[in-house]
Amino acid sequence: MSYPPAVYTADHGEVSAVFRPVGSPPELTYSSGNTVHYLSTGASTNGLFGLYRWEIGPEPSGPEPHFHRSISESFFILSGTMRIYDGVRWLDAVPGDHVYVPPGGIHGYRNESGEPASMLLHFAPGAPREGYFEGLPNLASMTDAERAAFFVEHDSFWV
C-alpha cells in the first residue's frame, strides 16, 4: 500500500487546524436525551471522513442490523458498555474497544447496559450523515414509501 495522491500541493504549510473544546454543546439532542456532537463532518473534511461523538442515556436504544454500500463505519467506545453487532453476534464493547465495519459489513449497536455510554462514530469517506441523524426523529410520521426513500438516500439497508 502506498500513500494516496497529494491533495495539498503548496510548497509551504497553512494555518487551518480546527479546535473544538470538550465543553462544546452537542449539535443534536434527541427527545430520549441522547446527544450527538458533530466533531468533523464530511463537509468540513472535504469528504475524507466524518467523526461524531454519541452520548447515549441508560435507556435501550440504537439501530438494528444494517449495512452501508458506500461508507465504512467505525466505533470507538469512550465510556460504558455498548453492544455492537459484528454480523454474526452481539459483542459487549467497553472503553478502549474499537470495531471497524467495511462497506457492505452487517452491523448494529445498542446500549442495553442500563447505564449511560458514549462512543465515537467514524465514517469514511465523509458522507452527509447529519441529515440521517436529524431525520431519525421524523421516522414515525413518514409513510412506508417515505421511510424507504429516506433509508436509501442515507445509504442504510436493513437486514
N, C-alpha and C. Protein backbone atom coordinates (compact mmCIF):
# COMPACT_ATOMS: atom_id res chain seq x y z
N MET A 1 0.85 -1.17 0.00
CA MET A 1 0.00 0.00 0.00
C MET A 1 0.89 1.24 0.00
N SER A 2 0.46 2.24 -0.71
CA SER A 2 1.22 3.49 -0.75
C SER A 2 0.31 4.65 -0.34
N TYR A 3 0.91 5.81 -0.17
CA TYR A 3 0.12 6.99 0.17
C TYR A 3 -0.75 7.38 -1.01
N PRO A 4 -1.93 7.96 -0.74
CA PRO A 4 -2.78 8.43 -1.84
C PRO A 4 -2.17 9.67 -2.48
N PRO A 5 -2.70 10.06 -3.62
CA PRO A 5 -2.19 11.28 -4.27
C PRO A 5 -2.32 12.50 -3.36
N ALA A 6 -1.42 13.42 -3.50
CA ALA A 6 -1.44 14.64 -2.69
C ALA A 6 -2.71 15.44 -2.97
N VAL A 7 -3.31 15.97 -1.91
CA VAL A 7 -4.45 16.86 -2.07
C VAL A 7 -4.05 18.30 -1.74
N TYR A 8 -2.90 18.46 -1.13
CA TYR A 8 -2.35 19.78 -0.83
C TYR A 8 -1.01 19.87 -1.52
N THR A 9 -0.86 20.82 -2.40
CA THR A 9 0.35 20.85 -3.24
C THR A 9 1.18 22.12 -3.10
N ALA A 10 0.83 23.01 -2.18
CA ALA A 10 1.63 24.22 -1.99
C ALA A 10 2.99 23.85 -1.41
N ASP A 11 3.96 24.73 -1.57
CA ASP A 11 5.31 24.49 -1.08
C ASP A 11 5.47 24.75 0.42
N HIS A 12 4.46 25.32 1.06
CA HIS A 12 4.53 25.63 2.48
C HIS A 12 3.22 25.21 3.13
N GLY A 13 3.24 24.98 4.41
CA GLY A 13 2.02 24.63 5.13
C GLY A 13 1.12 25.82 5.32
N GLU A 14 -0.05 25.57 5.86
CA GLU A 14 -1.00 26.65 6.10
C GLU A 14 -1.59 26.49 7.50
N VAL A 15 -2.13 27.56 8.02
CA VAL A 15 -2.79 27.53 9.31
C VAL A 15 -4.25 27.17 9.04
N SER A 16 -4.65 25.95 9.41
CA SER A 16 -6.00 25.52 9.08
C SER A 16 -6.60 24.53 10.08
N ALA A 17 -5.93 24.29 11.20
CA ALA A 17 -6.46 23.36 12.20
C ALA A 17 -7.75 23.90 12.79
N VAL A 18 -8.64 23.00 13.19
CA VAL A 18 -9.91 23.37 13.80
C VAL A 18 -9.93 22.77 15.21
N PHE A 19 -10.14 23.61 16.20
CA PHE A 19 -10.16 23.17 17.60
C PHE A 19 -11.59 23.17 18.10
N ARG A 20 -11.97 22.10 18.76
CA ARG A 20 -13.30 22.01 19.37
C ARG A 20 -13.10 21.65 20.84
N PRO A 21 -13.32 22.58 21.75
CA PRO A 21 -13.14 22.29 23.18
C PRO A 21 -14.12 21.23 23.67
N VAL A 22 -13.73 20.49 24.68
CA VAL A 22 -14.53 19.39 25.21
C VAL A 22 -15.90 19.86 25.69
N GLY A 23 -16.04 21.06 26.14
CA GLY A 23 -17.31 21.55 26.67
C GLY A 23 -18.27 22.08 25.62
N SER A 24 -17.94 21.94 24.34
CA SER A 24 -18.83 22.45 23.29
C SER A 24 -20.17 21.72 23.35
N PRO A 25 -21.27 22.46 23.17
CA PRO A 25 -22.59 21.81 23.24
C PRO A 25 -22.81 20.88 22.05
N PRO A 26 -23.65 19.87 22.22
CA PRO A 26 -23.94 18.97 21.11
C PRO A 26 -24.75 19.69 20.03
N GLU A 27 -24.60 19.24 18.81
CA GLU A 27 -25.38 19.80 17.71
C GLU A 27 -26.79 19.22 17.68
N LEU A 28 -26.96 18.05 18.26
CA LEU A 28 -28.26 17.38 18.18
C LEU A 28 -28.57 16.71 19.51
N THR A 29 -29.78 16.93 20.02
CA THR A 29 -30.25 16.26 21.22
C THR A 29 -31.60 15.64 20.91
N TYR A 30 -31.70 14.33 21.10
CA TYR A 30 -32.95 13.62 20.87
C TYR A 30 -33.87 13.73 22.08
N SER A 31 -35.15 13.45 21.89
CA SER A 31 -36.11 13.52 22.99
C SER A 31 -35.74 12.53 24.10
N SER A 32 -35.02 11.47 23.75
CA SER A 32 -34.56 10.49 24.74
C SER A 32 -33.43 11.02 25.61
N GLY A 33 -32.87 12.17 25.22
CA GLY A 33 -31.73 12.73 25.94
C GLY A 33 -30.40 12.36 25.31
N ASN A 34 -30.38 11.43 24.36
CA ASN A 34 -29.15 11.09 23.66
C ASN A 34 -28.68 12.31 22.88
N THR A 35 -27.36 12.50 22.82
CA THR A 35 -26.82 13.65 22.11
C THR A 35 -25.78 13.22 21.09
N VAL A 36 -25.62 14.07 20.07
CA VAL A 36 -24.62 13.85 19.03
C VAL A 36 -23.80 15.12 18.88
N HIS A 37 -22.49 14.96 18.95
CA HIS A 37 -21.55 16.06 18.73
C HIS A 37 -20.95 15.86 17.34
N TYR A 38 -21.10 16.86 16.48
CA TYR A 38 -20.54 16.80 15.13
C TYR A 38 -19.08 17.27 15.21
N LEU A 39 -18.16 16.36 15.46
CA LEU A 39 -16.76 16.73 15.63
C LEU A 39 -16.12 17.14 14.31
N SER A 40 -16.28 16.33 13.29
CA SER A 40 -15.80 16.64 11.94
C SER A 40 -16.80 16.05 10.96
N THR A 41 -17.50 16.91 10.25
CA THR A 41 -18.47 16.42 9.27
C THR A 41 -17.78 16.13 7.94
N GLY A 42 -18.45 15.36 7.11
CA GLY A 42 -17.91 15.12 5.77
C GLY A 42 -17.68 16.42 5.02
N ALA A 43 -18.57 17.39 5.22
CA ALA A 43 -18.41 18.69 4.56
C ALA A 43 -17.17 19.41 5.05
N SER A 44 -16.89 19.33 6.36
CA SER A 44 -15.74 20.06 6.91
C SER A 44 -14.41 19.39 6.59
N THR A 45 -14.43 18.11 6.18
CA THR A 45 -13.19 17.39 5.82
C THR A 45 -13.09 17.17 4.31
N ASN A 46 -13.89 17.89 3.55
CA ASN A 46 -13.92 17.73 2.09
C ASN A 46 -14.16 16.28 1.69
N GLY A 47 -15.03 15.62 2.43
CA GLY A 47 -15.44 14.27 2.09
C GLY A 47 -14.49 13.17 2.51
N LEU A 48 -13.43 13.49 3.25
CA LEU A 48 -12.48 12.45 3.65
C LEU A 48 -13.06 11.53 4.71
N PHE A 49 -13.73 12.09 5.71
CA PHE A 49 -14.31 11.29 6.79
C PHE A 49 -15.32 12.14 7.55
N GLY A 50 -16.09 11.49 8.41
CA GLY A 50 -16.96 12.16 9.36
C GLY A 50 -16.72 11.54 10.73
N LEU A 51 -16.68 12.36 11.77
CA LEU A 51 -16.43 11.88 13.12
C LEU A 51 -17.46 12.51 14.06
N TYR A 52 -18.14 11.66 14.82
CA TYR A 52 -19.23 12.10 15.69
C TYR A 52 -19.08 11.44 17.06
N ARG A 53 -19.37 12.21 18.12
CA ARG A 53 -19.40 11.63 19.46
C ARG A 53 -20.85 11.48 19.87
N TRP A 54 -21.22 10.24 20.18
CA TRP A 54 -22.57 9.92 20.64
C TRP A 54 -22.54 9.72 22.15
N GLU A 55 -23.45 10.37 22.85
CA GLU A 55 -23.63 10.18 24.27
C GLU A 55 -25.03 9.61 24.45
N ILE A 56 -25.10 8.39 24.96
CA ILE A 56 -26.34 7.63 24.98
C ILE A 56 -26.75 7.39 26.42
N GLY A 57 -28.01 7.70 26.72
CA GLY A 57 -28.53 7.52 28.07
C GLY A 57 -28.72 6.05 28.42
N PRO A 58 -29.21 5.78 29.61
CA PRO A 58 -29.32 4.41 30.09
C PRO A 58 -30.45 3.60 29.44
N GLU A 59 -31.39 4.25 28.79
CA GLU A 59 -32.50 3.53 28.16
C GLU A 59 -32.01 2.81 26.91
N PRO A 60 -32.47 1.60 26.65
CA PRO A 60 -32.04 0.87 25.45
C PRO A 60 -32.33 1.67 24.18
N SER A 61 -31.32 1.80 23.33
CA SER A 61 -31.50 2.49 22.05
C SER A 61 -30.36 2.13 21.12
N GLY A 62 -30.62 2.30 19.84
CA GLY A 62 -29.62 2.05 18.81
C GLY A 62 -30.22 1.27 17.66
N PRO A 63 -29.59 1.32 16.49
CA PRO A 63 -30.15 0.68 15.30
C PRO A 63 -29.95 -0.84 15.26
N GLU A 64 -30.90 -1.51 14.65
CA GLU A 64 -30.82 -2.94 14.41
C GLU A 64 -29.81 -3.21 13.29
N PRO A 65 -29.49 -4.48 13.02
CA PRO A 65 -28.52 -4.80 11.98
C PRO A 65 -28.86 -4.20 10.61
N HIS A 66 -27.84 -3.64 9.99
CA HIS A 66 -27.96 -2.99 8.69
C HIS A 66 -26.58 -2.96 8.05
N PHE A 67 -26.51 -2.42 6.83
CA PHE A 67 -25.23 -2.23 6.17
C PHE A 67 -25.28 -0.98 5.31
N HIS A 68 -24.10 -0.53 4.90
CA HIS A 68 -23.96 0.63 4.02
C HIS A 68 -23.22 0.18 2.76
N ARG A 69 -23.62 0.71 1.63
CA ARG A 69 -22.98 0.35 0.36
C ARG A 69 -21.76 1.22 0.05
N SER A 70 -21.73 2.47 0.57
CA SER A 70 -20.70 3.40 0.13
C SER A 70 -19.77 3.90 1.22
N ILE A 71 -20.03 3.56 2.47
CA ILE A 71 -19.20 4.06 3.56
C ILE A 71 -18.83 2.94 4.53
N SER A 72 -17.68 3.11 5.15
CA SER A 72 -17.31 2.25 6.28
C SER A 72 -17.74 2.98 7.55
N GLU A 73 -17.86 2.21 8.62
CA GLU A 73 -18.23 2.79 9.90
C GLU A 73 -17.36 2.17 10.98
N SER A 74 -16.84 3.00 11.86
CA SER A 74 -16.02 2.52 12.97
C SER A 74 -16.60 3.04 14.28
N PHE A 75 -16.45 2.22 15.31
CA PHE A 75 -16.92 2.55 16.65
C PHE A 75 -15.74 2.50 17.60
N PHE A 76 -15.58 3.52 18.43
CA PHE A 76 -14.58 3.53 19.48
C PHE A 76 -15.30 3.88 20.76
N ILE A 77 -15.32 2.97 21.70
CA ILE A 77 -16.08 3.15 22.94
C ILE A 77 -15.29 4.04 23.90
N LEU A 78 -15.94 5.11 24.38
CA LEU A 78 -15.32 6.04 25.32
C LEU A 78 -15.70 5.73 26.77
N SER A 79 -16.98 5.41 26.99
CA SER A 79 -17.43 5.11 28.34
C SER A 79 -18.62 4.15 28.28
N GLY A 80 -18.82 3.41 29.35
CA GLY A 80 -19.94 2.49 29.42
C GLY A 80 -19.72 1.24 28.59
N THR A 81 -20.80 0.54 28.33
CA THR A 81 -20.76 -0.69 27.54
C THR A 81 -21.77 -0.58 26.39
N MET A 82 -21.29 -0.76 25.18
CA MET A 82 -22.15 -0.76 24.00
C MET A 82 -22.17 -2.16 23.42
N ARG A 83 -23.34 -2.61 23.02
CA ARG A 83 -23.44 -3.88 22.31
C ARG A 83 -23.30 -3.57 20.83
N ILE A 84 -22.33 -4.19 20.20
CA ILE A 84 -22.06 -3.99 18.78
C ILE A 84 -22.29 -5.32 18.06
N TYR A 85 -23.08 -5.27 17.01
CA TYR A 85 -23.32 -6.47 16.21
C TYR A 85 -22.27 -6.52 15.10
N ASP A 86 -21.54 -7.62 15.01
CA ASP A 86 -20.46 -7.74 14.03
C ASP A 86 -20.87 -8.54 12.80
N GLY A 87 -22.17 -8.76 12.62
CA GLY A 87 -22.66 -9.54 11.50
C GLY A 87 -22.94 -10.98 11.87
N VAL A 88 -22.42 -11.43 13.02
CA VAL A 88 -22.62 -12.80 13.48
C VAL A 88 -23.22 -12.81 14.88
N ARG A 89 -22.68 -11.96 15.75
CA ARG A 89 -23.10 -11.97 17.15
C ARG A 89 -23.01 -10.55 17.72
N TRP A 90 -23.72 -10.36 18.85
CA TRP A 90 -23.65 -9.10 19.58
C TRP A 90 -22.49 -9.18 20.57
N LEU A 91 -21.57 -8.21 20.50
CA LEU A 91 -20.40 -8.16 21.38
C LEU A 91 -20.60 -7.04 22.40
N ASP A 92 -20.14 -7.24 23.62
CA ASP A 92 -20.13 -6.17 24.61
C ASP A 92 -18.81 -5.42 24.48
N ALA A 93 -18.88 -4.21 23.95
CA ALA A 93 -17.69 -3.38 23.76
C ALA A 93 -17.59 -2.39 24.91
N VAL A 94 -16.39 -2.26 25.46
CA VAL A 94 -16.13 -1.41 26.63
C VAL A 94 -15.09 -0.35 26.28
N PRO A 95 -14.87 0.63 27.16
CA PRO A 95 -13.94 1.71 26.85
C PRO A 95 -12.60 1.21 26.32
N GLY A 96 -12.20 1.79 25.19
CA GLY A 96 -10.96 1.41 24.53
C GLY A 96 -11.17 0.42 23.40
N ASP A 97 -12.31 -0.27 23.37
CA ASP A 97 -12.59 -1.21 22.28
C ASP A 97 -12.91 -0.45 21.00
N HIS A 98 -12.51 -1.04 19.87
CA HIS A 98 -12.73 -0.45 18.56
C HIS A 98 -13.29 -1.51 17.63
N VAL A 99 -14.28 -1.14 16.83
CA VAL A 99 -14.85 -2.04 15.84
C VAL A 99 -14.86 -1.30 14.51
N TYR A 100 -14.29 -1.93 13.47
CA TYR A 100 -14.30 -1.38 12.11
C TYR A 100 -15.23 -2.23 11.26
N VAL A 101 -16.12 -1.57 10.51
CA VAL A 101 -17.05 -2.26 9.61
C VAL A 101 -16.86 -1.69 8.21
N PRO A 102 -16.34 -2.50 7.26
CA PRO A 102 -16.15 -2.01 5.89
C PRO A 102 -17.49 -1.85 5.17
N PRO A 103 -17.51 -1.16 4.03
CA PRO A 103 -18.75 -1.07 3.26
C PRO A 103 -19.30 -2.48 3.00
N GLY A 104 -20.61 -2.64 3.18
CA GLY A 104 -21.26 -3.93 3.00
C GLY A 104 -21.30 -4.77 4.25
N GLY A 105 -20.53 -4.41 5.29
CA GLY A 105 -20.50 -5.19 6.52
C GLY A 105 -21.76 -4.99 7.35
N ILE A 106 -22.39 -6.08 7.73
CA ILE A 106 -23.59 -6.00 8.56
C ILE A 106 -23.17 -5.63 9.98
N HIS A 107 -23.88 -4.68 10.55
CA HIS A 107 -23.57 -4.21 11.90
C HIS A 107 -24.79 -3.54 12.53
N GLY A 108 -24.73 -3.32 13.81
CA GLY A 108 -25.73 -2.59 14.56
C GLY A 108 -25.12 -2.24 15.90
N TYR A 109 -25.77 -1.40 16.65
CA TYR A 109 -25.29 -1.11 18.00
C TYR A 109 -26.46 -0.75 18.89
N ARG A 110 -26.31 -1.04 20.16
CA ARG A 110 -27.34 -0.74 21.15
C ARG A 110 -26.69 -0.54 22.52
N ASN A 111 -27.26 0.37 23.27
CA ASN A 111 -26.91 0.47 24.68
C ASN A 111 -27.99 -0.27 25.44
N GLU A 112 -27.65 -1.43 25.95
CA GLU A 112 -28.59 -2.22 26.73
C GLU A 112 -28.11 -2.40 28.16
N SER A 113 -27.12 -1.61 28.57
CA SER A 113 -26.46 -1.80 29.87
C SER A 113 -27.24 -1.24 31.05
N GLY A 114 -28.20 -0.34 30.78
CA GLY A 114 -28.90 0.33 31.88
C GLY A 114 -28.11 1.50 32.44
N GLU A 115 -26.94 1.77 31.87
CA GLU A 115 -26.08 2.89 32.28
C GLU A 115 -25.77 3.75 31.06
N PRO A 116 -25.43 5.02 31.25
CA PRO A 116 -25.03 5.84 30.11
C PRO A 116 -23.77 5.28 29.43
N ALA A 117 -23.61 5.59 28.17
CA ALA A 117 -22.44 5.17 27.41
C ALA A 117 -22.12 6.26 26.39
N SER A 118 -20.88 6.29 25.92
CA SER A 118 -20.51 7.23 24.86
C SER A 118 -19.50 6.55 23.95
N MET A 119 -19.51 6.99 22.70
CA MET A 119 -18.61 6.41 21.71
C MET A 119 -18.37 7.40 20.59
N LEU A 120 -17.30 7.16 19.86
CA LEU A 120 -17.01 7.88 18.63
C LEU A 120 -17.49 7.04 17.47
N LEU A 121 -18.19 7.65 16.52
CA LEU A 121 -18.54 7.01 15.26
C LEU A 121 -17.75 7.71 14.16
N HIS A 122 -17.07 6.92 13.36
CA HIS A 122 -16.24 7.42 12.27
C HIS A 122 -16.75 6.82 10.97
N PHE A 123 -17.04 7.67 9.99
CA PHE A 123 -17.48 7.23 8.67
C PHE A 123 -16.45 7.65 7.64
N ALA A 124 -16.11 6.75 6.73
CA ALA A 124 -15.19 7.08 5.65
C ALA A 124 -15.68 6.41 4.36
N PRO A 125 -15.72 7.16 3.27
CA PRO A 125 -15.49 8.61 3.22
C PRO A 125 -16.58 9.37 3.96
N GLY A 126 -16.40 10.67 4.02
CA GLY A 126 -17.28 11.52 4.82
C GLY A 126 -18.60 11.81 4.13
N ALA A 127 -19.60 10.99 4.37
CA ALA A 127 -20.95 11.19 3.84
C ALA A 127 -21.70 12.20 4.70
N PRO A 128 -22.78 12.76 4.19
CA PRO A 128 -23.56 13.74 4.97
C PRO A 128 -24.47 13.06 5.98
N ARG A 129 -23.90 12.46 7.01
CA ARG A 129 -24.66 11.70 8.00
C ARG A 129 -25.55 12.59 8.86
N GLU A 130 -25.26 13.88 8.92
CA GLU A 130 -26.06 14.78 9.74
C GLU A 130 -27.53 14.73 9.33
N GLY A 131 -27.80 14.67 8.03
CA GLY A 131 -29.18 14.58 7.55
C GLY A 131 -29.87 13.32 8.04
N TYR A 132 -29.11 12.24 8.13
CA TYR A 132 -29.66 11.00 8.64
C TYR A 132 -29.97 11.14 10.13
N PHE A 133 -28.99 11.59 10.89
CA PHE A 133 -29.19 11.75 12.34
C PHE A 133 -30.37 12.67 12.64
N GLU A 134 -30.46 13.78 11.90
CA GLU A 134 -31.51 14.77 12.15
C GLU A 134 -32.88 14.28 11.68
N GLY A 135 -32.91 13.35 10.73
CA GLY A 135 -34.17 12.83 10.22
C GLY A 135 -34.75 11.70 11.05
N LEU A 136 -33.95 11.06 11.88
CA LEU A 136 -34.43 9.91 12.66
C LEU A 136 -35.68 10.21 13.49
N PRO A 137 -35.78 11.37 14.15
CA PRO A 137 -37.00 11.62 14.94
C PRO A 137 -38.28 11.70 14.10
N ASN A 138 -38.15 11.87 12.79
CA ASN A 138 -39.32 12.01 11.93
C ASN A 138 -39.80 10.69 11.34
N LEU A 139 -39.11 9.59 11.62
CA LEU A 139 -39.46 8.31 11.01
C LEU A 139 -40.90 7.90 11.29
N ALA A 140 -41.37 8.11 12.50
CA ALA A 140 -42.72 7.67 12.87
C ALA A 140 -43.80 8.39 12.07
N SER A 141 -43.53 9.60 11.63
CA SER A 141 -44.54 10.36 10.87
C SER A 141 -44.44 10.14 9.36
N MET A 142 -43.47 9.34 8.91
CA MET A 142 -43.31 9.08 7.48
C MET A 142 -44.18 7.92 7.03
N THR A 143 -44.58 7.96 5.77
CA THR A 143 -45.24 6.80 5.17
C THR A 143 -44.18 5.73 4.93
N ASP A 144 -44.61 4.52 4.65
CA ASP A 144 -43.66 3.44 4.37
C ASP A 144 -42.76 3.82 3.19
N ALA A 145 -43.33 4.43 2.16
CA ALA A 145 -42.55 4.82 0.98
C ALA A 145 -41.55 5.91 1.33
N GLU A 146 -41.97 6.88 2.14
CA GLU A 146 -41.05 7.96 2.56
C GLU A 146 -39.91 7.40 3.40
N ARG A 147 -40.25 6.49 4.29
CA ARG A 147 -39.23 5.88 5.16
C ARG A 147 -38.23 5.09 4.32
N ALA A 148 -38.71 4.31 3.37
CA ALA A 148 -37.83 3.53 2.49
C ALA A 148 -36.92 4.46 1.70
N ALA A 149 -37.45 5.55 1.18
CA ALA A 149 -36.65 6.51 0.41
C ALA A 149 -35.60 7.18 1.31
N PHE A 150 -35.98 7.50 2.55
CA PHE A 150 -35.06 8.11 3.49
C PHE A 150 -33.85 7.20 3.72
N PHE A 151 -34.11 5.90 3.95
CA PHE A 151 -33.01 4.98 4.20
C PHE A 151 -32.13 4.81 2.97
N VAL A 152 -32.70 4.73 1.79
CA VAL A 152 -31.89 4.61 0.57
C VAL A 152 -31.05 5.87 0.39
N GLU A 153 -31.67 7.04 0.58
CA GLU A 153 -30.94 8.32 0.45
C GLU A 153 -29.74 8.36 1.39
N HIS A 154 -29.87 7.75 2.57
CA HIS A 154 -28.81 7.80 3.57
C HIS A 154 -28.03 6.49 3.68
N ASP A 155 -28.05 5.69 2.60
CA ASP A 155 -27.19 4.52 2.48
C ASP A 155 -27.33 3.57 3.67
N SER A 156 -28.56 3.32 4.08
CA SER A 156 -28.82 2.40 5.20
C SER A 156 -29.78 1.32 4.73
N PHE A 157 -29.31 0.08 4.76
CA PHE A 157 -30.07 -1.05 4.26
C PHE A 157 -30.22 -2.07 5.39
N TRP A 158 -31.46 -2.32 5.80
CA TRP A 158 -31.76 -3.18 6.94
C TRP A 158 -31.77 -4.64 6.53
N VAL A 159 -31.31 -5.50 7.42
CA VAL A 159 -31.29 -6.94 7.13
C VAL A 159 -32.32 -7.66 7.99
